[in-house]
Amino acid sequence: MSVPATTRKRPFRVQPALLALLIVATVELAAWSIAVPALQEPDEDSHFSYAQAIAERAEIPWQRSGGPRGVLDAVSPEQQVASVSAGLQPLLANLAARPLWTEPDERVWRAHDAALGPNARSSIEPSSAFANPPAAYLYDAAVHAAVGGSFFDRLFAMRWANLPLLLVMVAATWVLARDLFGDRQSAVVLATAVVALQPLLTSVAGGVTPDVLLCALFAVGLALSVRIVSRGPTTGRLVALGLVSLLAPLTHGRGLALLVPAGLAFLLSWPPLRRIPRPALAAGVGFAALVVGALALRYAERGGPTLSDTRAVGSYLWQFYLPELPWLNPPPFEGWTVRDVYVDRLYGTFGQLEITLPGWVTDALAAAGLVLAAGLLAAAVVRRDALRRLIKPIAVLVAAAVSAILLLHLQAYHSLLVDPGDPVITGRYLLPLLPVLGIAVAATLQALPRRAFAVAGGGVLAAAVLLQFAALGAMLTRFYA
């Protein structure tokens, strides 16, 4: 990595390459949002119901634990009629079903919708989404109220309202990469393209979901954190980071992870800390990390503060990532591997988890992931001098990745004790970390000679484009073939 100048101010301008990526992301979201039938994105029925409850009842139905998942009786009568009359409910995860979208089908739906009573939009019971914080649903509720029209008018308007959030995520990744790579625009473009062309991200963004707002906030938070430790804190940067870090947990519980890199950025930029010798500071940070980790494990166990309780979580984490040891208890999952979470569900699974890419595609992606990991380690050795100069920004990114993944594992551990057949950490939960992945890919390839970087970077971009087309093709085949 090259080291950007810390004293020179470089105003943000929309570069042609960034503009091109923003246009590409816009086209991708339009394709996914229009082509995927209503309520077929993950938990879209519950997310729409939450926003509709806010818009129609003028109250926030946030509660400690949501209702059941995918229960038709919990949504409004209007949504029930649309789900049945348009064939949407039978379509869920049913590979043999197809949506009802002919003109006679539409007439049947309109007749049933017109016969509904006065409480057709407000009679709503709690569903699984009601356990989520309300920030994203307030945004969707405003769209719901402003657009009006039929059920489908409002649902698709809420889908398209994700566009500015997606563009913010792409632009924030560009800013983050520019602060790290300086004038190496090819590396900046590559890091941003990894995000803009990610098929699961654009698929999820094409539905009603809080995940897109969370991704945008995470990207902005990372960009602000790196800017603070790279160029120094200002009142504006600190206030903006504070607001983003508080809004993320109000969007989803997974947003709590953003507090870790934001807090680290504040500590690393705090003037009194700069006078502390680096070995002492490193020791203090390491001790604090151990304490926080121990407290997190204790919270995961929800029991007394004993070592035997925390060992179970440690054993689960070890056996998820590393070979099983004979003295460890059996893990609380059956056959799930790192590949299932970080490859198959992040790059190869869409919709209600029933749309998948061919096995040879995910095999190639898994091999590419191993090459990336080895290449990143080699790049760190080759560019160790630059790495030392960028130690603070890198620490922020590592803290973001570790905290987000650990939080997911703590939630997964509890769920696996009840249902060991599901790894819980599904692909869209990892989408906020896409900017970190983009930086890792660009940093690895940047260690190559310039010509080799051009060839390898072009190959990555070509593969990303092909993956996007493959995912769109699999979706179209699923619903319309």
Protein backbone atom coordinates (compact mmCIF):
# COMPACT_ATOMS: atom_id res chain seq x y z
CA MET A 1 0.00 0.00 0.00
CA SER A 2 1.13 3.56 -0.63
CA VAL A 3 0.93 6.09 2.15
CA PRO A 4 -1.30 9.10 1.46
CA ALA A 5 -0.11 12.53 2.40
CA THR A 6 -1.49 13.61 5.75
CA THR A 7 -1.14 17.34 5.29
CA ARG A 8 -2.61 17.80 1.83
CA LYS A 9 -6.36 18.21 1.58
CA ARG A 10 -7.89 16.43 -1.38
CA PRO A 11 -11.50 17.41 -1.94
CA PHE A 12 -13.81 14.59 -2.88
CA ARG A 13 -14.81 14.60 -6.54
CA VAL A 14 -16.87 12.07 -8.41
CA GLN A 15 -14.22 10.50 -10.60
CA PRO A 16 -15.32 8.97 -13.92
CA ALA A 17 -14.49 5.48 -12.66
CA LEU A 18 -16.56 6.00 -9.51
CA LEU A 19 -19.42 7.41 -11.57
CA ALA A 20 -19.29 4.33 -13.78
CA LEU A 21 -19.46 2.04 -10.74
CA LEU A 22 -22.39 4.00 -9.32
CA ILE A 23 -24.24 3.64 -12.63
CA VAL A 24 -23.48 -0.09 -12.69
CA ALA A 25 -24.81 -0.48 -9.13
CA THR A 26 -27.96 1.42 -10.14
CA VAL A 27 -28.58 -0.89 -13.10
CA GLU A 28 -27.97 -3.96 -10.94
CA LEU A 29 -30.43 -2.87 -8.27
CA ALA A 30 -33.03 -2.02 -10.91
CA ALA A 31 -32.64 -5.47 -12.46
CA TRP A 32 -32.96 -7.35 -9.19
CA SER A 33 -35.77 -5.21 -7.77
CA ILE A 34 -37.93 -5.46 -10.89
CA ALA A 35 -37.29 -9.09 -11.83
CA VAL A 36 -37.60 -10.72 -8.40
CA PRO A 37 -41.30 -11.22 -7.57
CA ALA A 38 -42.68 -9.42 -4.54
CA LEU A 39 -41.93 -10.84 -1.08
CA GLN A 40 -39.32 -13.29 -2.42
CA GLU A 41 -36.26 -11.66 -0.92
CA PRO A 42 -35.20 -12.95 2.56
CA ASP A 43 -37.87 -12.14 5.20
CA GLU A 44 -39.29 -9.44 2.93
CA ASP A 45 -42.83 -10.22 4.10
CA SER A 46 -41.91 -9.43 7.73
CA HIS A 47 -39.88 -6.35 6.82
CA PHE A 48 -42.73 -4.89 4.75
CA SER A 49 -45.19 -5.67 7.54
CA TYR A 50 -43.06 -3.81 10.10
CA ALA A 51 -42.83 -0.69 7.90
CA GLN A 52 -46.55 -0.85 7.10
CA ALA A 53 -47.40 -1.04 10.80
CA ILE A 54 -45.46 2.17 11.43
CA ALA A 55 -46.98 3.96 8.44
CA GLU A 56 -50.58 2.92 9.07
CA ARG A 57 -50.74 2.94 12.88
CA ALA A 58 -48.31 5.81 13.55
CA GLU A 59 -46.49 3.76 16.18
CA ILE A 60 -43.25 1.82 16.41
CA PRO A 61 -44.02 -1.86 17.17
CA TRP A 62 -40.44 -2.68 18.23
CA GLN A 63 -40.44 -5.41 20.88
CA ARG A 64 -37.85 -7.52 22.65
CA SER A 65 -38.68 -10.68 20.73
CA GLY A 66 -40.47 -10.85 17.41
CA GLY A 67 -43.20 -13.24 16.42
CA PRO A 68 -42.88 -16.33 14.23
CA ARG A 69 -41.14 -16.25 10.86
CA GLY A 70 -43.09 -16.50 7.62
CA VAL A 71 -46.58 -16.80 9.17
CA LEU A 72 -49.17 -15.43 6.74
CA ASP A 73 -51.73 -14.65 9.46
CA ALA A 74 -49.37 -12.14 11.07
CA VAL A 75 -49.31 -9.70 8.13
CA SER A 76 -52.08 -7.29 7.14
CA PRO A 77 -55.17 -8.57 5.27
CA GLU A 78 -54.00 -6.50 2.30
CA GLN A 79 -50.66 -8.33 2.25
CA GLN A 80 -52.37 -11.68 2.75
CA VAL A 81 -54.60 -11.12 -0.29
CA ALA A 82 -51.62 -10.08 -2.42
CA SER A 83 -49.60 -13.09 -1.24
CA VAL A 84 -52.32 -15.58 -2.11
CA SER A 85 -53.87 -13.99 -5.21
CA ALA A 86 -50.51 -13.36 -6.88
CA GLY A 87 -49.20 -16.81 -5.95
CA LEU A 88 -46.44 -15.32 -3.81
CA GLN A 89 -46.90 -17.41 -0.68
CA PRO A 90 -46.76 -20.77 -2.52
CA LEU A 91 -43.73 -19.43 -4.41
CA LEU A 92 -41.54 -19.18 -1.28
CA ALA A 93 -38.64 -21.64 -1.60
CA ASN A 94 -40.78 -23.81 -3.91
CA LEU A 95 -38.74 -24.54 -7.03
CA ALA A 96 -41.78 -25.89 -8.88
CA ALA A 97 -43.94 -22.78 -8.36
CA ARG A 98 -44.10 -19.67 -10.56
CA PRO A 99 -45.66 -16.26 -9.87
CA LEU A 100 -49.16 -15.45 -11.12
CA TRP A 101 -48.66 -12.37 -13.26
CA THR A 102 -51.04 -12.59 -16.20
CA GLU A 103 -53.86 -10.06 -16.76
CA PRO A 104 -56.59 -12.44 -15.44
CA ASP A 105 -54.48 -13.04 -12.32
CA GLU A 106 -54.23 -9.29 -11.80
CA ARG A 107 -58.01 -8.89 -12.11
CA VAL A 108 -58.57 -11.57 -9.47
CA TRP A 109 -56.18 -9.83 -7.10
CA ARG A 110 -57.77 -6.41 -7.66
CA ALA A 111 -61.25 -7.80 -6.98
CA HIS A 112 -60.16 -9.41 -3.72
CA ASP A 113 -58.19 -6.32 -2.70
CA ALA A 114 -61.17 -4.03 -3.35
CA ALA A 115 -63.38 -6.19 -1.10
CA LEU A 116 -61.17 -5.68 1.96
CA GLY A 117 -62.46 -3.81 5.01
CA PRO A 118 -61.25 -0.56 6.61
CA ASN A 119 -58.50 -2.27 8.67
CA ALA A 120 -56.95 -4.01 5.68
CA ARG A 121 -53.61 -2.24 6.14
CA SER A 122 -53.42 -1.76 9.89
CA SER A 123 -54.49 -5.12 11.30
CA ILE A 124 -50.98 -6.55 11.78
CA GLU A 125 -49.58 -9.04 14.29
CA PRO A 126 -45.92 -9.21 15.40
CA SER A 127 -43.59 -11.21 13.17
CA SER A 128 -39.89 -12.05 13.31
CA ALA A 129 -38.76 -8.61 12.09
CA PHE A 130 -40.46 -6.84 14.99
CA ALA A 131 -37.48 -7.74 17.20
CA ASN A 132 -35.29 -5.45 15.06
CA PRO A 133 -34.64 -1.79 15.94
CA PRO A 134 -36.77 0.67 13.96
CA ALA A 135 -34.38 3.00 12.07
CA ALA A 136 -34.60 1.30 8.65
CA TYR A 137 -38.33 0.70 9.02
CA LEU A 138 -38.96 4.38 9.77
CA TYR A 139 -37.25 5.16 6.46
CA ASP A 140 -39.36 2.57 4.64
CA ALA A 141 -42.53 3.74 6.40
CA ALA A 142 -41.93 7.27 5.11
CA VAL A 143 -41.70 5.86 1.57
CA HIS A 144 -44.82 3.75 2.18
CA ALA A 145 -46.79 6.80 3.31
CA ALA A 146 -45.48 9.12 0.59
CA VAL A 147 -46.12 6.80 -2.36
CA GLY A 148 -49.56 5.44 -1.57
CA GLY A 149 -51.22 3.42 -4.28
CA SER A 150 -51.62 -0.35 -4.27
CA PHE A 151 -49.70 -2.88 -2.21
CA PHE A 152 -47.33 -3.53 -5.11
CA ASP A 153 -46.82 0.19 -5.77
CA ARG A 154 -45.64 0.69 -2.21
CA LEU A 155 -43.53 -2.45 -2.02
CA PHE A 156 -41.59 -1.70 -5.19
CA ALA A 157 -41.15 1.94 -4.17
CA MET A 158 -39.62 0.72 -0.90
CA ARG A 159 -37.32 -1.55 -2.88
CA TRP A 160 -36.15 1.35 -5.06
CA ALA A 161 -35.64 3.52 -1.99
CA ASN A 162 -32.62 1.31 -1.26
CA LEU A 163 -30.79 2.83 -4.23
CA PRO A 164 -29.32 5.89 -2.43
CA LEU A 165 -28.20 3.62 0.42
CA LEU A 166 -26.43 1.27 -2.00
CA LEU A 167 -24.74 4.21 -3.73
CA VAL A 168 -23.60 5.60 -0.36
CA MET A 169 -21.98 2.26 0.41
CA VAL A 170 -20.14 2.20 -2.93
CA ALA A 171 -19.00 5.83 -2.59
CA ALA A 172 -17.86 5.31 1.02
CA THR A 173 -15.79 2.31 -0.08
CA TRP A 174 -14.15 4.53 -2.71
CA VAL A 175 -13.28 7.14 -0.05
CA LEU A 176 -11.92 4.43 2.25
CA ALA A 177 -9.78 2.92 -0.51
CA ARG A 178 -8.49 6.32 -1.60
CA ASP A 179 -7.30 7.10 1.94
CA LEU A 180 -5.43 3.79 2.04
CA PHE A 181 -4.05 3.56 -1.50
CA GLY A 182 -3.50 7.24 -2.20
CA ASP A 183 -2.89 7.95 -5.89
CA ARG A 184 -3.02 4.28 -6.97
CA GLN A 185 -6.41 4.73 -8.61
CA SER A 186 -6.35 1.27 -10.12
CA ALA A 187 -6.31 -0.20 -6.60
CA VAL A 188 -9.09 2.17 -5.51
CA VAL A 189 -11.24 1.14 -8.48
CA LEU A 190 -10.63 -2.55 -7.83
CA ALA A 191 -11.51 -2.32 -4.12
CA THR A 192 -14.72 -0.42 -4.92
CA ALA A 193 -15.69 -2.74 -7.76
CA VAL A 194 -15.52 -5.76 -5.45
CA VAL A 195 -18.35 -4.10 -3.51
CA ALA A 196 -20.34 -2.65 -6.41
CA LEU A 197 -20.39 -5.93 -8.35
CA GLN A 198 -21.09 -8.30 -5.44
CA PRO A 199 -24.21 -10.23 -6.54
CA LEU A 200 -25.69 -10.98 -3.12
CA LEU A 201 -25.43 -7.31 -2.12
CA THR A 202 -27.37 -6.12 -5.16
CA SER A 203 -29.83 -8.99 -4.76
CA VAL A 204 -30.56 -8.07 -1.14
CA ALA A 205 -30.68 -4.37 -2.03
CA GLY A 206 -33.44 -5.21 -4.48
CA GLY A 207 -35.78 -6.16 -1.63
CA VAL A 208 -37.31 -4.53 1.44
CA THR A 209 -34.74 -5.04 4.18
CA PRO A 210 -32.79 -3.17 6.88
CA ASP A 211 -29.55 -4.77 5.69
CA VAL A 212 -28.84 -2.13 3.03
CA LEU A 213 -28.99 0.76 5.51
CA LEU A 214 -26.75 -1.22 7.87
CA CYS A 215 -24.24 -1.82 5.04
CA ALA A 216 -24.23 1.88 4.14
CA LEU A 217 -23.69 2.93 7.76
CA PHE A 218 -20.91 0.37 8.21
CA ALA A 219 -19.10 1.59 5.07
CA VAL A 220 -19.41 5.23 6.12
CA GLY A 221 -18.27 4.37 9.64
CA LEU A 222 -15.19 2.55 8.37
CA ALA A 223 -14.34 5.40 5.99
CA LEU A 224 -14.66 7.96 8.82
CA SER A 225 -12.64 5.82 11.25
CA VAL A 226 -9.79 5.40 8.78
CA ARG A 227 -9.91 9.09 7.86
CA ILE A 228 -9.62 10.02 11.56
CA VAL A 229 -6.61 7.81 12.27
CA SER A 230 -4.95 8.73 8.95
CA ARG A 231 -5.46 12.49 8.86
CA GLY A 232 -6.40 13.31 12.42
CA PRO A 233 -9.65 14.00 14.24
CA THR A 234 -11.79 17.07 13.59
CA THR A 235 -15.02 18.03 15.24
CA GLY A 236 -16.98 17.23 12.09
CA ARG A 237 -15.41 13.82 11.65
CA LEU A 238 -15.90 12.82 15.29
CA VAL A 239 -19.51 14.00 15.38
CA ALA A 240 -20.28 12.21 12.10
CA LEU A 241 -18.66 9.00 13.31
CA GLY A 242 -20.56 9.22 16.59
CA LEU A 243 -23.88 9.63 14.81
CA VAL A 244 -23.21 6.78 12.39
CA SER A 245 -22.03 4.49 15.20
CA LEU A 246 -25.21 5.15 17.19
CA LEU A 247 -27.52 4.81 14.19
CA ALA A 248 -26.08 1.42 13.19
CA PRO A 249 -27.32 -0.44 16.32
CA LEU A 250 -30.68 1.31 15.89
CA THR A 251 -30.84 -0.25 12.42
CA HIS A 252 -30.00 -3.80 13.47
CA GLY A 253 -28.38 -5.52 16.44
CA ARG A 254 -25.48 -6.48 14.20
CA GLY A 255 -24.67 -2.77 14.01
CA LEU A 256 -23.20 -2.97 17.51
CA ALA A 257 -20.03 -4.27 15.88
CA LEU A 258 -19.37 -0.82 14.37
CA LEU A 259 -18.80 0.58 17.87
CA VAL A 260 -15.53 -1.36 18.10
CA PRO A 261 -13.63 0.17 15.12
CA ALA A 262 -15.17 3.57 15.87
CA GLY A 263 -14.02 3.40 19.49
CA LEU A 264 -10.58 2.23 18.41
CA ALA A 265 -10.30 5.14 15.97
CA PHE A 266 -11.16 7.56 18.74
CA LEU A 267 -8.59 6.06 21.09
CA LEU A 268 -5.82 5.99 18.48
CA SER A 269 -6.45 9.63 17.59
CA TRP A 270 -6.78 10.89 21.17
CA PRO A 271 -3.84 13.29 21.75
CA PRO A 272 -2.90 12.02 25.26
CA LEU A 273 -2.48 8.50 23.89
CA ARG A 274 0.14 9.68 21.41
CA ARG A 275 2.54 10.38 24.30
CA ILE A 276 2.29 6.82 25.62
CA PRO A 277 5.16 4.57 24.47
CA ARG A 278 4.00 2.19 21.74
CA PRO A 279 4.91 -1.03 23.61
CA ALA A 280 2.88 0.09 26.62
CA LEU A 281 -0.01 1.15 24.42
CA ALA A 282 0.06 -2.17 22.56
CA ALA A 283 0.05 -4.06 25.85
CA GLY A 284 -2.89 -2.03 27.11
CA VAL A 285 -4.88 -2.55 23.95
CA GLY A 286 -4.16 -6.28 24.03
CA PHE A 287 -5.25 -6.54 27.65
CA ALA A 288 -8.42 -4.57 26.93
CA ALA A 289 -9.14 -6.86 23.98
CA LEU A 290 -8.80 -9.92 26.21
CA VAL A 291 -11.12 -8.42 28.81
CA VAL A 292 -13.72 -7.49 26.19
CA GLY A 293 -13.43 -10.93 24.62
CA ALA A 294 -13.91 -12.65 27.96
CA LEU A 295 -16.93 -10.48 28.77
CA ALA A 296 -18.40 -11.20 25.34
CA LEU A 297 -17.99 -14.93 25.86
CA ARG A 298 -19.59 -14.66 29.28
CA TYR A 299 -22.49 -12.73 27.80
CA ALA A 300 -22.88 -15.41 25.16
CA GLU A 301 -23.14 -18.06 27.83
CA ARG A 302 -25.54 -15.98 29.97
CA GLY A 303 -24.45 -17.88 33.03
CA GLY A 304 -22.16 -17.45 36.01
CA PRO A 305 -18.62 -16.13 35.53
CA THR A 306 -16.86 -19.49 35.48
CA LEU A 307 -14.15 -20.74 33.16
CA SER A 308 -16.00 -23.95 32.39
CA ASP A 309 -18.89 -22.00 30.93
CA THR A 310 -16.77 -20.01 28.51
CA ARG A 311 -14.89 -23.10 27.36
CA ALA A 312 -17.95 -24.27 25.42
CA VAL A 313 -17.98 -21.15 23.26
CA GLY A 314 -14.22 -21.33 22.78
CA SER A 315 -14.56 -24.97 21.73
CA TYR A 316 -17.28 -24.04 19.23
CA LEU A 317 -15.12 -21.32 17.67
CA TRP A 318 -12.06 -23.59 17.50
CA GLN A 319 -13.92 -26.42 15.82
CA PHE A 320 -15.61 -24.10 13.35
CA TYR A 321 -12.32 -22.78 11.98
CA LEU A 322 -9.71 -25.38 12.98
CA PRO A 323 -9.43 -29.18 13.10
CA GLU A 324 -11.33 -30.94 15.85
CA LEU A 325 -9.24 -31.95 18.86
CA PRO A 326 -9.92 -35.24 20.69
CA TRP A 327 -10.38 -33.65 24.12
CA LEU A 328 -12.99 -31.11 22.97
CA ASN A 329 -16.70 -31.70 23.27
CA PRO A 330 -18.58 -32.30 19.99
CA PRO A 331 -19.44 -29.00 18.28
CA PRO A 332 -23.07 -27.77 18.34
CA PHE A 333 -23.35 -27.98 14.55
CA GLU A 334 -23.50 -30.78 12.03
CA GLY A 335 -21.18 -30.64 9.07
CA TRP A 336 -21.08 -26.88 8.58
CA THR A 337 -17.73 -25.53 7.48
CA VAL A 338 -16.08 -22.18 6.89
CA ARG A 339 -16.81 -22.58 3.19
CA ASP A 340 -20.56 -22.88 3.78
CA VAL A 341 -20.62 -19.47 5.47
CA TYR A 342 -17.93 -17.46 3.68
CA VAL A 343 -18.27 -18.82 0.13
CA ASP A 344 -21.47 -20.71 -0.62
CA ARG A 345 -23.85 -18.41 1.25
CA LEU A 346 -22.00 -15.18 0.51
CA TYR A 347 -21.49 -15.66 -3.23
CA GLY A 348 -23.53 -18.63 -4.35
CA THR A 349 -26.96 -18.52 -2.66
CA PHE A 350 -29.85 -16.09 -3.29
CA GLY A 351 -33.55 -15.56 -2.66
CA GLN A 352 -34.97 -17.85 -0.01
CA LEU A 353 -31.69 -19.85 -0.15
CA GLU A 354 -33.14 -21.97 -2.97
CA ILE A 355 -31.38 -20.12 -5.81
CA THR A 356 -27.82 -21.39 -6.08
CA LEU A 357 -24.93 -21.18 -8.50
CA PRO A 358 -23.39 -24.39 -9.90
CA GLY A 359 -21.06 -26.26 -7.60
CA TRP A 360 -18.01 -25.71 -9.80
CA VAL A 361 -18.47 -21.94 -9.43
CA THR A 362 -18.37 -22.05 -5.65
CA ASP A 363 -15.47 -24.54 -5.86
CA ALA A 364 -13.53 -21.98 -7.88
CA LEU A 365 -14.48 -19.22 -5.43
CA ALA A 366 -13.33 -21.32 -2.50
CA ALA A 367 -9.97 -21.90 -4.19
CA ALA A 368 -9.73 -18.18 -4.95
CA GLY A 369 -10.37 -17.44 -1.28
CA LEU A 370 -7.43 -19.62 -0.25
CA VAL A 371 -5.22 -17.91 -2.82
CA LEU A 372 -6.35 -14.52 -1.52
CA ALA A 373 -5.54 -15.46 2.07
CA ALA A 374 -2.07 -16.70 1.12
CA GLY A 375 -1.48 -13.71 -1.12
CA LEU A 376 -2.53 -11.25 1.57
CA LEU A 377 -0.05 -12.82 3.98
CA ALA A 378 2.70 -12.67 1.37
CA ALA A 379 1.84 -9.05 0.55
CA ALA A 380 2.08 -8.17 4.24
CA VAL A 381 5.61 -9.60 4.32
CA VAL A 382 6.71 -7.99 1.07
CA ARG A 383 5.24 -4.59 1.93
CA ARG A 384 5.97 -4.69 5.65
CA ASP A 385 7.48 -1.20 5.69
CA ALA A 386 4.32 0.33 4.22
CA LEU A 387 2.31 -1.89 6.55
CA ARG A 388 3.99 -0.33 9.58
CA ARG A 389 3.15 3.14 8.36
CA LEU A 390 -0.49 2.13 7.91
CA ILE A 391 -0.76 0.18 11.14
CA LYS A 392 -3.56 2.35 12.58
CA PRO A 393 -5.93 2.15 9.58
CA ILE A 394 -5.25 -1.57 9.29
CA ALA A 395 -5.98 -2.03 13.00
CA VAL A 396 -9.34 -0.31 12.50
CA LEU A 397 -10.28 -2.61 9.60
CA VAL A 398 -9.17 -5.73 11.46
CA ALA A 399 -11.12 -4.66 14.53
CA ALA A 400 -14.21 -4.17 12.38
CA ALA A 401 -13.94 -7.63 10.83
CA VAL A 402 -13.18 -9.44 14.09
CA SER A 403 -15.92 -7.69 16.09
CA ALA A 404 -18.57 -8.24 13.41
CA ILE A 405 -17.71 -11.92 12.95
CA LEU A 406 -17.44 -12.58 16.69
CA LEU A 407 -20.84 -11.01 17.26
CA LEU A 408 -22.33 -13.25 14.59
CA HIS A 409 -20.75 -16.31 16.18
CA LEU A 410 -22.08 -15.44 19.62
CA GLN A 411 -25.59 -15.25 18.19
CA ALA A 412 -25.03 -18.41 16.17
CA TYR A 413 -23.83 -20.35 19.21
CA HIS A 414 -27.13 -19.85 21.04
CA SER A 415 -29.17 -20.74 17.98
CA LEU A 416 -27.12 -23.84 17.25
CA LEU A 417 -27.82 -25.20 20.71
CA VAL A 418 -31.49 -25.27 19.70
CA ASP A 419 -31.15 -26.19 16.01
CA PRO A 420 -27.75 -27.68 15.06
CA GLY A 421 -28.85 -28.02 11.43
CA ASP A 422 -28.39 -24.33 10.55
CA PRO A 423 -25.10 -22.39 10.77
CA VAL A 424 -27.16 -19.17 11.31
CA ILE A 425 -24.43 -16.94 9.82
CA THR A 426 -25.96 -16.50 6.40
CA GLY A 427 -24.31 -14.62 3.57
CA ARG A 428 -26.13 -11.31 3.90
CA TYR A 429 -24.92 -10.95 7.50
CA LEU A 430 -21.39 -10.59 6.12
CA LEU A 431 -22.27 -7.89 3.58
CA PRO A 432 -21.24 -4.97 5.87
CA LEU A 433 -17.68 -6.31 5.68
CA LEU A 434 -17.51 -6.10 1.88
CA PRO A 435 -15.42 -2.87 2.01
CA VAL A 436 -12.83 -4.77 4.07
CA LEU A 437 -12.84 -7.58 1.51
CA GLY A 438 -12.39 -5.07 -1.31
CA ILE A 439 -9.41 -3.51 0.46
CA ALA A 440 -7.89 -6.96 1.07
CA VAL A 441 -8.23 -7.94 -2.60
CA ALA A 442 -6.72 -4.68 -3.86
CA ALA A 443 -3.90 -4.73 -1.29
CA THR A 444 -2.99 -8.30 -2.21
CA LEU A 445 -2.84 -7.61 -5.93
CA GLN A 446 -1.05 -4.29 -5.46
CA ALA A 447 1.97 -6.20 -4.14
CA LEU A 448 2.39 -7.66 -7.64
CA PRO A 449 4.44 -5.95 -10.36
CA ARG A 450 2.48 -3.33 -12.25
CA ARG A 451 1.77 -5.47 -15.34
CA ALA A 452 0.85 -8.47 -13.24
CA PHE A 453 -1.47 -6.27 -11.19
CA ALA A 454 -3.21 -5.11 -14.36
CA VAL A 455 -3.74 -8.68 -15.54
CA ALA A 456 -4.85 -10.01 -12.16
CA GLY A 457 -7.05 -6.99 -11.44
CA GLY A 458 -8.70 -7.32 -14.83
CA GLY A 459 -9.33 -10.98 -14.11
CA VAL A 460 -10.99 -10.14 -10.78
CA LEU A 461 -13.21 -7.54 -12.44
CA ALA A 462 -14.16 -9.93 -15.23
CA ALA A 463 -14.99 -12.66 -12.70
CA ALA A 464 -17.11 -10.22 -10.67
CA VAL A 465 -19.09 -9.21 -13.77
CA LEU A 466 -19.62 -12.85 -14.76
CA LEU A 467 -20.78 -13.71 -11.24
CA GLN A 468 -23.33 -10.90 -11.37
CA PHE A 469 -24.69 -12.16 -14.71
CA ALA A 470 -24.67 -15.76 -13.47
CA ALA A 471 -26.65 -14.82 -10.37
CA LEU A 472 -29.16 -12.83 -12.41
CA GLY A 473 -29.49 -15.73 -14.83
CA ALA A 474 -30.08 -18.19 -11.99
CA MET A 475 -32.75 -15.89 -10.57
CA LEU A 476 -34.54 -15.48 -13.91
CA THR A 477 -34.44 -19.23 -14.49
CA ARG A 478 -35.85 -19.85 -11.03
CA PHE A 479 -38.88 -17.60 -11.41
CA TYR A 480 -39.64 -17.44 -15.12
CA ALA A 481 -38.21 -20.47 -16.96
